[in-house]
């Protein structure tokens, strides 16, 4: 039981965004975050892969539960 908990904590720690990302989102402010989300949703709805890539950092990670796929990079 203890080792399962340790493995779970390690997995969570590896997948939780860096603190710097939270700081960066805070620096954007409410309007900046709204603009970022609007740009992402718009690109997603248009299936505009190039626009989506421009919004992501090189170390981006994406998953869409319940699908087992995990995308990184």
N, C-alpha and C. Protein backbone atom coordinates (compact mmCIF):
# COMPACT_ATOMS: atom_id res chain seq x y z
N UNK A 1 0.83 -1.19 0.00
CA UNK A 1 0.00 0.00 0.00
C UNK A 1 0.87 1.26 0.00
N UNK A 2 1.88 1.28 0.85
CA UNK A 2 2.75 2.45 0.95
C UNK A 2 3.49 2.70 -0.35
N UNK A 3 4.00 1.63 -0.99
CA UNK A 3 4.73 1.82 -2.25
C UNK A 3 3.80 2.29 -3.36
N UNK A 4 2.54 1.84 -3.35
CA UNK A 4 1.58 2.32 -4.35
C UNK A 4 1.34 3.81 -4.18
N UNK A 5 1.24 4.26 -2.95
CA UNK A 5 1.05 5.68 -2.67
C UNK A 5 2.26 6.48 -3.12
N UNK A 6 3.45 5.96 -2.87
CA UNK A 6 4.67 6.65 -3.29
C UNK A 6 4.73 6.75 -4.82
N UNK A 7 4.37 5.68 -5.52
CA UNK A 7 4.37 5.72 -6.99
C UNK A 7 3.34 6.72 -7.50
N UNK A 8 2.17 6.75 -6.86
CA UNK A 8 1.13 7.70 -7.27
C UNK A 8 1.59 9.13 -7.07
N UNK A 9 2.22 9.42 -5.95
CA UNK A 9 2.72 10.78 -5.69
C UNK A 9 3.78 11.17 -6.71
N UNK A 10 4.66 10.23 -7.03
CA UNK A 10 5.70 10.50 -8.03
C UNK A 10 5.07 10.83 -9.38
N UNK A 11 4.07 10.07 -9.78
CA UNK A 11 3.39 10.30 -11.05
C UNK A 11 2.73 11.66 -11.07
N UNK A 12 2.04 12.01 -10.00
CA UNK A 12 1.39 13.32 -9.91
C UNK A 12 2.42 14.43 -9.99
N UNK A 13 3.51 14.30 -9.24
CA UNK A 13 4.56 15.32 -9.25
C UNK A 13 5.14 15.51 -10.65
N UNK A 14 5.26 14.43 -11.41
CA UNK A 14 5.81 14.52 -12.76
C UNK A 14 4.85 15.19 -13.74
N UNK A 15 3.55 15.15 -13.45
CA UNK A 15 2.57 15.65 -14.41
C UNK A 15 1.96 16.99 -14.04
N UNK A 16 2.14 17.45 -12.83
CA UNK A 16 1.58 18.74 -12.41
C UNK A 16 2.41 19.85 -13.05
N UNK A 17 1.76 20.89 -13.57
CA UNK A 17 2.52 21.99 -14.19
C UNK A 17 3.50 22.62 -13.21
N UNK A 18 4.59 23.08 -13.75
CA UNK A 18 5.60 23.77 -12.95
C UNK A 18 4.99 25.03 -12.34
N UNK A 19 5.50 25.41 -11.18
CA UNK A 19 5.03 26.63 -10.52
C UNK A 19 5.18 27.82 -11.44
N UNK A 20 6.26 27.84 -12.24
CA UNK A 20 6.50 28.96 -13.15
C UNK A 20 5.34 29.14 -14.12
N UNK A 21 4.71 28.05 -14.52
CA UNK A 21 3.57 28.15 -15.43
C UNK A 21 2.41 28.86 -14.74
N UNK A 22 2.20 28.57 -13.47
CA UNK A 22 1.13 29.23 -12.73
C UNK A 22 1.44 30.71 -12.57
N UNK A 23 2.69 31.05 -12.34
CA UNK A 23 3.10 32.44 -12.22
C UNK A 23 2.88 33.16 -13.54
N UNK A 24 3.24 32.50 -14.64
CA UNK A 24 3.07 33.11 -15.96
C UNK A 24 1.59 33.35 -16.26
N UNK A 25 0.74 32.39 -15.93
CA UNK A 25 -0.70 32.59 -16.14
C UNK A 25 -1.21 33.74 -15.29
N UNK A 26 -0.72 33.86 -14.06
CA UNK A 26 -1.13 34.97 -13.21
C UNK A 26 -0.70 36.30 -13.79
N UNK A 27 0.49 36.33 -14.39
CA UNK A 27 1.00 37.57 -14.98
C UNK A 27 0.18 38.01 -16.19
N UNK A 28 -0.47 37.06 -16.86
CA UNK A 28 -1.31 37.41 -18.01
C UNK A 28 -2.52 38.23 -17.59
N UNK A 29 -2.97 38.03 -16.37
CA UNK A 29 -4.17 38.72 -15.91
C UNK A 29 -5.42 38.08 -16.49
N UNK A 30 -6.55 38.54 -16.02
CA UNK A 30 -7.83 37.97 -16.45
C UNK A 30 -8.04 38.10 -17.95
N UNK A 31 -7.81 39.29 -18.49
CA UNK A 31 -8.02 39.50 -19.92
C UNK A 31 -7.05 38.67 -20.76
N UNK A 32 -5.81 38.60 -20.33
CA UNK A 32 -4.82 37.82 -21.06
C UNK A 32 -5.15 36.33 -21.08
N UNK A 33 -5.59 35.81 -19.92
CA UNK A 33 -5.99 34.41 -19.86
C UNK A 33 -7.21 34.16 -20.75
N UNK A 34 -8.15 35.08 -20.72
CA UNK A 34 -9.35 34.94 -21.56
C UNK A 34 -8.95 34.94 -23.04
N UNK A 35 -8.07 35.84 -23.43
CA UNK A 35 -7.61 35.89 -24.83
C UNK A 35 -6.91 34.59 -25.23
N UNK A 36 -6.09 34.06 -24.32
CA UNK A 36 -5.38 32.82 -24.60
C UNK A 36 -6.36 31.66 -24.79
N UNK A 37 -7.33 31.56 -23.90
CA UNK A 37 -8.34 30.49 -24.02
C UNK A 37 -9.15 30.67 -25.30
N UNK A 38 -9.55 31.90 -25.59
CA UNK A 38 -10.32 32.16 -26.82
C UNK A 38 -9.52 31.74 -28.06
N UNK A 39 -8.23 32.07 -28.08
CA UNK A 39 -7.39 31.72 -29.23
C UNK A 39 -7.26 30.20 -29.35
N UNK A 40 -7.10 29.52 -28.21
CA UNK A 40 -6.98 28.07 -28.23
C UNK A 40 -8.27 27.42 -28.73
N UNK A 41 -9.40 27.84 -28.18
CA UNK A 41 -10.69 27.26 -28.58
C UNK A 41 -10.97 27.53 -30.05
N UNK A 42 -10.68 28.73 -30.50
CA UNK A 42 -10.90 29.07 -31.91
C UNK A 42 -10.06 28.18 -32.82
N UNK A 43 -8.79 28.02 -32.49
CA UNK A 43 -7.90 27.18 -33.30
C UNK A 43 -8.37 25.73 -33.26
N UNK A 44 -8.79 25.26 -32.10
CA UNK A 44 -9.28 23.88 -31.95
C UNK A 44 -10.51 23.66 -32.83
N UNK A 45 -11.45 24.59 -32.77
CA UNK A 45 -12.69 24.45 -33.54
C UNK A 45 -12.44 24.49 -35.05
N UNK A 46 -11.41 25.22 -35.48
CA UNK A 46 -11.07 25.29 -36.90
C UNK A 46 -10.15 24.15 -37.33
N UNK A 47 -9.73 23.34 -36.35
CA UNK A 47 -8.75 22.27 -36.60
C UNK A 47 -7.47 22.86 -37.21
N UNK A 48 -7.07 24.03 -36.70
CA UNK A 48 -5.90 24.75 -37.20
C UNK A 48 -4.68 24.34 -36.37
N UNK A 49 -4.02 23.29 -36.82
CA UNK A 49 -2.89 22.73 -36.08
C UNK A 49 -1.76 23.75 -35.92
N UNK A 50 -1.47 24.50 -36.96
CA UNK A 50 -0.39 25.50 -36.88
C UNK A 50 -0.68 26.54 -35.80
N UNK A 51 -1.92 27.01 -35.73
CA UNK A 51 -2.29 27.99 -34.71
C UNK A 51 -2.18 27.38 -33.32
N UNK A 52 -2.57 26.11 -33.17
CA UNK A 52 -2.44 25.43 -31.88
C UNK A 52 -0.98 25.32 -31.47
N UNK A 53 -0.13 24.95 -32.41
CA UNK A 53 1.29 24.81 -32.10
C UNK A 53 1.91 26.13 -31.67
N UNK A 54 1.47 27.22 -32.26
CA UNK A 54 1.99 28.54 -31.88
C UNK A 54 1.63 28.90 -30.44
N UNK A 55 0.56 28.33 -29.92
CA UNK A 55 0.12 28.63 -28.56
C UNK A 55 0.81 27.76 -27.51
N UNK A 56 1.44 26.68 -27.94
CA UNK A 56 2.02 25.72 -27.00
C UNK A 56 3.52 25.92 -26.84
N UNK A 57 4.01 25.60 -25.65
CA UNK A 57 5.45 25.62 -25.42
C UNK A 57 6.04 24.30 -25.91
N UNK A 58 7.36 24.25 -26.00
CA UNK A 58 8.03 23.05 -26.49
C UNK A 58 7.83 21.85 -25.58
N UNK A 59 7.56 22.10 -24.29
CA UNK A 59 7.39 21.00 -23.34
C UNK A 59 5.92 20.75 -23.01
N UNK A 60 5.03 21.12 -23.93
CA UNK A 60 3.59 20.94 -23.71
C UNK A 60 3.24 19.47 -23.55
N UNK A 61 2.24 19.21 -22.71
CA UNK A 61 1.70 17.87 -22.53
C UNK A 61 0.19 17.95 -22.66
N UNK A 62 -0.40 16.92 -23.26
CA UNK A 62 -1.84 16.94 -23.51
C UNK A 62 -2.40 15.54 -23.34
N UNK A 63 -3.50 15.45 -22.64
CA UNK A 63 -4.23 14.20 -22.52
C UNK A 63 -5.72 14.52 -22.55
N UNK A 64 -6.51 13.57 -23.01
CA UNK A 64 -7.95 13.79 -23.10
C UNK A 64 -8.67 12.58 -22.51
N UNK A 65 -8.80 12.56 -21.17
CA UNK A 65 -9.51 11.44 -20.55
C UNK A 65 -10.93 11.34 -21.11
N UNK A 66 -11.47 10.20 -21.27
CA UNK A 66 -10.97 8.89 -20.81
C UNK A 66 -10.08 8.18 -21.82
N UNK A 67 -9.69 8.83 -22.90
CA UNK A 67 -8.79 8.20 -23.86
C UNK A 67 -7.44 7.95 -23.21
N UNK A 68 -6.80 6.82 -23.50
CA UNK A 68 -5.52 6.51 -22.86
C UNK A 68 -4.33 7.24 -23.49
N UNK A 69 -4.56 8.08 -24.48
CA UNK A 69 -3.46 8.76 -25.18
C UNK A 69 -2.85 9.86 -24.32
N UNK A 70 -1.55 10.02 -24.43
CA UNK A 70 -0.81 11.05 -23.72
C UNK A 70 0.20 11.63 -24.71
N UNK A 71 0.10 12.92 -24.99
CA UNK A 71 0.98 13.56 -25.96
C UNK A 71 1.94 14.50 -25.24
N UNK A 72 3.19 14.47 -25.66
CA UNK A 72 4.21 15.31 -25.02
C UNK A 72 5.14 15.84 -26.09
N UNK A 73 5.49 17.15 -25.95
CA UNK A 73 6.46 17.75 -26.85
C UNK A 73 5.86 18.47 -28.02
